[in-house]
Amino acid sequence: MKRAPLGNERLAVAYLRVSTEDQRLGPEAQKHDCEVWARQHGVGIVETFTDQGVSGGTELENRPNLMAALAALRQHGAGVLLIAKRDRLARDVAVAALIERSVRTAGARVVTADGIGNGEGPADQLVRTVIDGAAAYERAVIK
């Protein structure tokens, strides 16, 4: 995997995903959480993208605003793709891994506003994998 030079970690592109209208963590709540995190960490959100009505198992190519967010990372030289919680990225382990790889290729990293698993160490990687697995399990139970 070829990684672009690391972008500016003081610039973020926010990505919001909502699969249903009645979701507890709707787009306004996700945006708020991302904005609070950005203020607390001195990071500017350069653009925000929302995929409304998109399942967490949907592949990248079927998420137009995620694809736009990945392009915006490169366009702005942003080093952070900011999401409210890890399950907003995906509810499928393979899809989450593919998104992570695409973000790294763009020269950025995925950061969650809730702070869980944001580091780069082995323990943080394990936490992200466990969260992705739990999100996939929850999706299967909901279905």
Foldseek 3Di string as FASTA:
>chain_A
DAFDAAFDQLEEAEEFEEQDDPDPCDPVNWVVLQVVLSVVVNHYYPYYFYQYNDALADAPVPRVRLVVRLVVCLVVSHAEHETADLCRNHLALVRSVVSQVSSRNSNHGYAHSVRQLRDDDPVSVVRSNVVSPVSVVVVVVVD
